[in-house]
Protein backbone atom coordinates (compact mmCIF):
# COMPACT_ATOMS: atom_id res chain seq x y z
CA MET A 1 -4.47 -62.74 60.90
CA SER A 2 -5.58 -60.38 58.01
CA ASP A 3 -3.86 -57.59 56.76
CA LYS A 4 -7.31 -55.79 55.85
CA ILE A 5 -10.34 -54.87 58.00
CA THR A 6 -13.24 -56.19 56.66
CA LEU A 7 -16.24 -54.43 56.86
CA LYS A 8 -19.91 -55.67 55.29
CA VAL A 9 -22.38 -53.49 54.66
CA HIS A 10 -25.79 -53.56 53.24
CA THR A 11 -26.68 -49.85 52.59
CA SER A 12 -25.36 -46.99 52.01
CA GLN A 13 -26.93 -44.08 54.15
CA LYS A 14 -25.21 -40.87 54.15
CA LEU A 15 -24.14 -38.96 57.08
CA LYS A 16 -24.00 -35.38 58.32
CA ASP A 17 -20.75 -33.81 58.67
CA ASP A 18 -20.33 -33.06 62.30
CA ARG A 19 -19.27 -34.69 65.02
CA ARG A 20 -20.84 -38.01 65.82
CA VAL A 21 -20.46 -40.29 69.75
CA VAL A 22 -19.97 -44.01 69.56
CA ARG A 23 -19.68 -46.81 72.30
CA ILE A 24 -17.36 -48.75 72.47
CA ASN A 25 -16.78 -52.76 73.49
CA ALA A 26 -15.04 -53.50 76.03
CA ALA A 27 -12.32 -54.83 74.14
CA ALA A 28 -11.97 -51.76 72.16
CA ASN A 29 -11.66 -50.07 75.63
CA ALA A 30 -8.54 -52.41 76.94
CA VAL A 31 -6.52 -51.33 74.08
CA LEU A 32 -7.50 -47.63 74.23
CA MET A 33 -6.84 -47.55 77.94
CA LYS A 34 -3.67 -49.20 77.27
CA LEU A 35 -2.39 -46.65 74.42
CA TYR A 36 -3.80 -44.22 77.18
CA ARG A 37 -1.44 -45.49 79.52
CA ALA A 38 1.33 -45.80 77.39
CA THR A 39 1.43 -42.06 75.47
CA GLY A 40 -0.28 -39.73 78.22
CA LEU A 41 -2.68 -38.53 75.02
CA PRO A 42 -5.89 -37.26 75.10
CA LEU A 43 -8.47 -40.59 74.47
CA GLU A 44 -9.91 -38.25 71.57
CA HIS A 45 -6.60 -38.01 69.54
CA ILE A 46 -6.00 -41.93 70.49
CA VAL A 47 -9.19 -42.52 68.58
CA SER A 48 -8.93 -40.18 65.26
CA GLN A 49 -5.76 -41.10 64.83
CA MET A 50 -6.96 -45.05 64.82
CA ILE A 51 -9.73 -44.19 62.64
CA ILE A 52 -7.61 -42.06 60.17
CA GLN A 53 -5.06 -43.85 59.86
CA GLY A 54 -6.53 -47.29 60.26
CA ALA A 55 -8.83 -46.12 57.49
CA GLU A 56 -6.62 -47.23 54.31
CA LEU A 57 -6.51 -50.90 56.29
CA VAL A 58 -10.33 -51.20 55.95
CA GLU A 59 -11.95 -53.17 52.45
CA ILE A 60 -15.68 -53.11 52.07
CA ILE A 61 -17.40 -55.79 50.91
CA GLU A 62 -21.25 -55.10 49.70
CA ASP A 63 -23.57 -57.83 51.09
CA TYR A 64 -26.12 -58.16 48.32
CA GLU A 65 -29.11 -60.28 48.90
CA GLU A 66 -30.05 -62.33 46.53
CA ASP A 67 -33.72 -62.44 45.53
CA ILE A 68 -34.76 -66.44 44.82
């Protein structure tokens, strides 16, 4: 398993600086609920901390389409 989380991006879009609501898949929800049951912390806090602390583990790779 890699030490980095890799995201391929196709375009860059600027987002507003406000709160977002996202949907997570069943596997991510299972992990989240396990952490919630183990800590008793609010879900919003757990998810926010995972994003903030995990951001340094993310490697962004730009996926350019080559003209043929």
